[in-house]
Amino acid sequence: MFLIIGILASAQQNDTPIFPKGKLAPKENFIGQVWVTSLVTNDSIYQTVVASVTFEPGARTNWHSHPNGQLILVTDGVGYHQLEGTPKQVIQKGDIIKCPPHTNHWHGGSWDQAMTHIVVLPNTEKGNAVWRGRVTNRVYVN
């Protein structure tokens, strides 16, 4: 445990990313440039997906939900998050967001800053994500 904490602290002090940027995310589920690095692949033992996701300024997910919810750990930058029916929230490095099961939401970078977070999807045997419609500029700005 101490070794892991030491590595993370060292990466933060040097301002270098903890994980590589990864590959471009599929355009059908995202607006703008979004990069994804798989950290823990799904398997029959852990049934969990963990990934690092980087949103360029203005980039965001479509509306979506998860059968078992989602944890978001912001590791760098500033962005936005919104649960359907609630006001948009500003999120930043160090924030942890819990998205309840079956709750439509979106998240992404702010207009002028990139944002990187780690997502944790538990109990994937019940499903991963249900993708919905685009987050319009009107929703994103307000």
C-alpha atoms as a PDB file:
ATOM      1  CA  MET A   1       0.000   0.000   0.000  1.00  0.00           C
ATOM      2  CA  PHE A   2       2.774   2.472   0.886  1.00  0.00           C
ATOM      3  CA  LEU A   3       4.555   1.822  -2.405  1.00  0.00           C
ATOM      4  CA  ILE A   4       1.429   2.639  -4.413  1.00  0.00           C
ATOM      5  CA  ILE A   5       0.875   5.875  -2.488  1.00  0.00           C
ATOM      6  CA  GLY A   6       4.525   6.823  -3.012  1.00  0.00           C
ATOM      7  CA  ILE A   7       4.254   6.301  -6.778  1.00  0.00           C
ATOM      8  CA  LEU A   8       1.085   8.393  -7.030  1.00  0.00           C
ATOM      9  CA  ALA A   9       2.567  11.210  -4.949  1.00  0.00           C
ATOM     10  CA  SER A  10       5.723  11.199  -7.082  1.00  0.00           C
ATOM     11  CA  ALA A  11       3.740  11.412 -10.322  1.00  0.00           C
ATOM     12  CA  GLN A  12       1.676  14.305  -8.964  1.00  0.00           C
ATOM     13  CA  GLN A  13       4.757  16.236  -7.832  1.00  0.00           C
ATOM     14  CA  ASN A  14       6.348  15.930 -11.281  1.00  0.00           C
ATOM     15  CA  ASP A  15       3.102  16.952 -13.017  1.00  0.00           C
ATOM     16  CA  THR A  16       3.352  13.889 -15.236  1.00  0.00           C
ATOM     17  CA  PRO A  17       0.266  11.782 -15.911  1.00  0.00           C
ATOM     18  CA  ILE A  18      -0.162   8.763 -13.684  1.00  0.00           C
ATOM     19  CA  PHE A  19      -1.377   6.610 -16.601  1.00  0.00           C
ATOM     20  CA  PRO A  20      -0.904   6.888 -20.373  1.00  0.00           C
ATOM     21  CA  LYS A  21      -3.553   8.791 -22.350  1.00  0.00           C
ATOM     22  CA  GLY A  22      -4.693   5.664 -24.184  1.00  0.00           C
ATOM     23  CA  LYS A  23      -6.864   5.441 -27.273  1.00  0.00           C
ATOM     24  CA  LEU A  24      -9.549   7.741 -28.642  1.00  0.00           C
ATOM     25  CA  ALA A  25     -13.008   6.872 -27.322  1.00  0.00           C
ATOM     26  CA  PRO A  26     -15.774   5.954 -29.788  1.00  0.00           C
ATOM     27  CA  LYS A  27     -17.448   9.036 -31.303  1.00  0.00           C
ATOM     28  CA  GLU A  28     -20.933   7.546 -30.959  1.00  0.00           C
ATOM     29  CA  ASN A  29     -20.797   7.886 -27.130  1.00  0.00           C
ATOM     30  CA  PHE A  30     -18.745  11.085 -26.733  1.00  0.00           C
ATOM     31  CA  ILE A  31     -18.554  14.660 -27.988  1.00  0.00           C
ATOM     32  CA  GLY A  32     -15.053  16.000 -28.667  1.00  0.00           C
ATOM     33  CA  GLN A  33     -11.679  14.354 -28.048  1.00  0.00           C
ATOM     34  CA  VAL A  34     -11.812  11.766 -25.258  1.00  0.00           C
ATOM     35  CA  TRP A  35      -9.015   9.307 -24.489  1.00  0.00           C
ATOM     36  CA  VAL A  36      -9.412   6.015 -22.584  1.00  0.00           C
ATOM     37  CA  THR A  37      -6.862   3.704 -20.967  1.00  0.00           C
ATOM     38  CA  SER A  38      -8.118   0.408 -19.562  1.00  0.00           C
ATOM     39  CA  LEU A  39      -6.577  -0.227 -16.128  1.00  0.00           C
ATOM     40  CA  VAL A  40      -8.515  -3.297 -14.969  1.00  0.00           C
ATOM     41  CA  THR A  41     -10.225  -5.436 -17.577  1.00  0.00           C
ATOM     42  CA  ASN A  42     -13.426  -7.245 -16.806  1.00  0.00           C
ATOM     43  CA  ASP A  43     -13.173 -10.867 -15.666  1.00  0.00           C
ATOM     44  CA  SER A  44     -15.322 -13.460 -13.910  1.00  0.00           C
ATOM     45  CA  ILE A  45     -13.570 -13.009 -10.563  1.00  0.00           C
ATOM     46  CA  TYR A  46     -13.616  -9.238  -9.944  1.00  0.00           C
ATOM     47  CA  GLN A  47     -16.440  -8.304 -12.345  1.00  0.00           C
ATOM     48  CA  THR A  48     -15.182  -4.724 -12.335  1.00  0.00           C
ATOM     49  CA  VAL A  49     -13.948  -2.359 -15.018  1.00  0.00           C
ATOM     50  CA  VAL A  50     -11.493   0.430 -14.155  1.00  0.00           C
ATOM     51  CA  ALA A  51     -10.247   2.977 -16.690  1.00  0.00           C
ATOM     52  CA  SER A  52      -8.523   6.338 -16.861  1.00  0.00           C
ATOM     53  CA  VAL A  53     -10.420   8.777 -19.081  1.00  0.00           C
ATOM     54  CA  THR A  54      -9.090  12.140 -20.315  1.00  0.00           C
ATOM     55  CA  PHE A  55     -11.475  14.755 -21.722  1.00  0.00           C
ATOM     56  CA  GLU A  56     -10.042  17.605 -23.770  1.00  0.00           C
ATOM     57  CA  PRO A  57     -11.635  21.039 -23.126  1.00  0.00           C
ATOM     58  CA  GLY A  58     -15.280  20.954 -24.250  1.00  0.00           C
ATOM     59  CA  ALA A  59     -15.351  17.140 -24.547  1.00  0.00           C
ATOM     60  CA  ARG A  60     -17.972  15.107 -22.717  1.00  0.00           C
ATOM     61  CA  THR A  61     -19.898  11.858 -22.579  1.00  0.00           C
ATOM     62  CA  ASN A  62     -23.402  11.386 -23.884  1.00  0.00           C
ATOM     63  CA  TRP A  63     -26.130  10.905 -21.291  1.00  0.00           C
ATOM     64  CA  HIS A  64     -25.772   7.384 -19.919  1.00  0.00           C
ATOM     65  CA  SER A  65     -26.426   5.176 -16.904  1.00  0.00           C
ATOM     66  CA  HIS A  66     -24.911   2.078 -15.309  1.00  0.00           C
ATOM     67  CA  PRO A  67     -26.875  -0.883 -13.890  1.00  0.00           C
ATOM     68  CA  ASN A  68     -24.708  -0.887 -10.742  1.00  0.00           C
ATOM     69  CA  GLY A  69     -23.644   2.745 -10.625  1.00  0.00           C
ATOM     70  CA  GLN A  70     -20.253   4.273 -11.233  1.00  0.00           C
ATOM     71  CA  LEU A  71     -17.488   5.815  -9.144  1.00  0.00           C
ATOM     72  CA  ILE A  72     -15.522   8.733 -10.624  1.00  0.00           C
ATOM     73  CA  LEU A  73     -12.172   9.777  -9.100  1.00  0.00           C
ATOM     74  CA  VAL A  74     -10.918  13.030 -10.619  1.00  0.00           C
ATOM     75  CA  THR A  75      -7.119  12.887 -10.932  1.00  0.00           C
ATOM     76  CA  ASP A  76      -6.400  16.070 -12.901  1.00  0.00           C
ATOM     77  CA  GLY A  77      -7.973  19.230 -14.269  1.00  0.00           C
ATOM     78  CA  VAL A  78     -11.449  20.721 -14.034  1.00  0.00           C
ATOM     79  CA  GLY A  79     -14.672  19.449 -15.551  1.00  0.00           C
ATOM     80  CA  TYR A  80     -18.400  19.055 -15.149  1.00  0.00           C
ATOM     81  CA  HIS A  81     -20.743  16.338 -13.957  1.00  0.00           C
ATOM     82  CA  GLN A  82     -24.519  16.228 -13.916  1.00  0.00           C
ATOM     83  CA  LEU A  83     -27.129  13.756 -12.727  1.00  0.00           C
ATOM     84  CA  GLU A  84     -30.344  14.100 -14.720  1.00  0.00           C
ATOM     85  CA  GLY A  85     -32.777  16.444 -12.971  1.00  0.00           C
ATOM     86  CA  THR A  86     -30.082  18.176 -10.889  1.00  0.00           C
ATOM     87  CA  PRO A  87     -27.851  21.203 -11.580  1.00  0.00           C
ATOM     88  CA  LYS A  88     -24.504  20.698 -13.311  1.00  0.00           C
ATOM     89  CA  GLN A  89     -21.567  20.507 -10.866  1.00  0.00           C
ATOM     90  CA  VAL A  90     -17.981  21.657 -11.321  1.00  0.00           C
ATOM     91  CA  ILE A  91     -15.582  18.824 -10.492  1.00  0.00           C
ATOM     92  CA  GLN A  92     -11.823  19.017 -10.045  1.00  0.00           C
ATOM     93  CA  LYS A  93      -8.730  17.074  -9.067  1.00  0.00           C
ATOM     94  CA  GLY A  94      -9.367  15.216  -5.813  1.00  0.00           C
ATOM     95  CA  ASP A  95     -13.171  14.998  -6.154  1.00  0.00           C
ATOM     96  CA  ILE A  96     -14.953  11.657  -5.895  1.00  0.00           C
ATOM     97  CA  ILE A  97     -18.404  11.295  -7.454  1.00  0.00           C
ATOM     98  CA  LYS A  98     -20.881   8.464  -6.906  1.00  0.00           C
ATOM     99  CA  CYS A  99     -23.353   7.928  -9.751  1.00  0.00           C
ATOM    100  CA  PRO A 100     -26.285   5.860  -8.439  1.00  0.00           C
ATOM    101  CA  PRO A 101     -27.444   2.770 -10.362  1.00  0.00           C
ATOM    102  CA  HIS A 102     -29.811   3.384 -13.297  1.00  0.00           C
ATOM    103  CA  THR A 103     -29.361   7.181 -13.033  1.00  0.00           C
ATOM    104  CA  ASN A 104     -28.792   9.120 -16.256  1.00  0.00           C
ATOM    105  CA  HIS A 105     -25.760  11.383 -16.050  1.00  0.00           C
ATOM    106  CA  TRP A 106     -22.897  12.849 -18.050  1.00  0.00           C
ATOM    107  CA  HIS A 107     -19.381  14.132 -17.307  1.00  0.00           C
ATOM    108  CA  GLY A 108     -16.528  15.797 -19.164  1.00  0.00           C
ATOM    109  CA  GLY A 109     -13.927  18.546 -19.326  1.00  0.00           C
ATOM    110  CA  SER A 110     -14.777  22.198 -18.759  1.00  0.00           C
ATOM    111  CA  TRP A 111     -14.926  24.654 -21.668  1.00  0.00           C
ATOM    112  CA  ASP A 112     -11.335  25.754 -21.141  1.00  0.00           C
ATOM    113  CA  GLN A 113      -9.636  22.916 -19.232  1.00  0.00           C
ATOM    114  CA  ALA A 114      -9.050  19.218 -19.722  1.00  0.00           C
ATOM    115  CA  MET A 115     -10.117  16.795 -17.018  1.00  0.00           C
ATOM    116  CA  THR A 116      -8.902  13.270 -16.273  1.00  0.00           C
ATOM    117  CA  HIS A 117     -10.677  10.813 -14.039  1.00  0.00           C
ATOM    118  CA  ILE A 118     -10.632   7.172 -13.137  1.00  0.00           C
ATOM    119  CA  VAL A 119     -13.942   5.349 -13.526  1.00  0.00           C
ATOM    120  CA  VAL A 120     -14.868   2.237 -11.575  1.00  0.00           C
ATOM    121  CA  LEU A 121     -17.775   0.107 -12.788  1.00  0.00           C
ATOM    122  CA  PRO A 122     -18.617  -2.619 -10.247  1.00  0.00           C
ATOM    123  CA  ASN A 123     -20.610  -5.821 -10.728  1.00  0.00           C
ATOM    124  CA  THR A 124     -20.363  -5.790 -14.508  1.00  0.00           C
ATOM    125  CA  GLU A 125     -22.081  -9.174 -14.712  1.00  0.00           C
ATOM    126  CA  LYS A 126     -25.289  -7.085 -14.606  1.00  0.00           C
ATOM    127  CA  GLY A 127     -24.155  -4.863 -17.470  1.00  0.00           C
ATOM    128  CA  ASN A 128     -21.801  -1.974 -18.166  1.00  0.00           C
ATOM    129  CA  ALA A 129     -23.397   1.176 -19.610  1.00  0.00           C
ATOM    130  CA  VAL A 130     -26.633   2.166 -21.282  1.00  0.00           C
ATOM    131  CA  TRP A 131     -25.930   5.041 -23.672  1.00  0.00           C
ATOM    132  CA  ARG A 132     -28.552   7.712 -24.307  1.00  0.00           C
ATOM    133  CA  GLY A 133     -28.697  10.929 -26.353  1.00  0.00           C
ATOM    134  CA  ARG A 134     -26.131  13.681 -26.775  1.00  0.00           C
ATOM    135  CA  VAL A 135     -25.550  16.368 -24.159  1.00  0.00           C
ATOM    136  CA  THR A 136     -26.450  19.521 -26.067  1.00  0.00           C
ATOM    137  CA  ASN A 137     -24.372  22.693 -25.892  1.00  0.00           C
ATOM    138  CA  ARG A 138     -27.299  24.334 -24.076  1.00  0.00           C
ATOM    139  CA  VAL A 139     -27.177  21.712 -21.288  1.00  0.00           C
ATOM    140  CA  TYR A 140     -23.365  21.768 -21.233  1.00  0.00           C
ATOM    141  CA  VAL A 141     -23.131  25.563 -20.889  1.00  0.00           C
ATOM    142  CA  ASN A 142     -25.955  26.066 -18.341  1.00  0.00           C
END
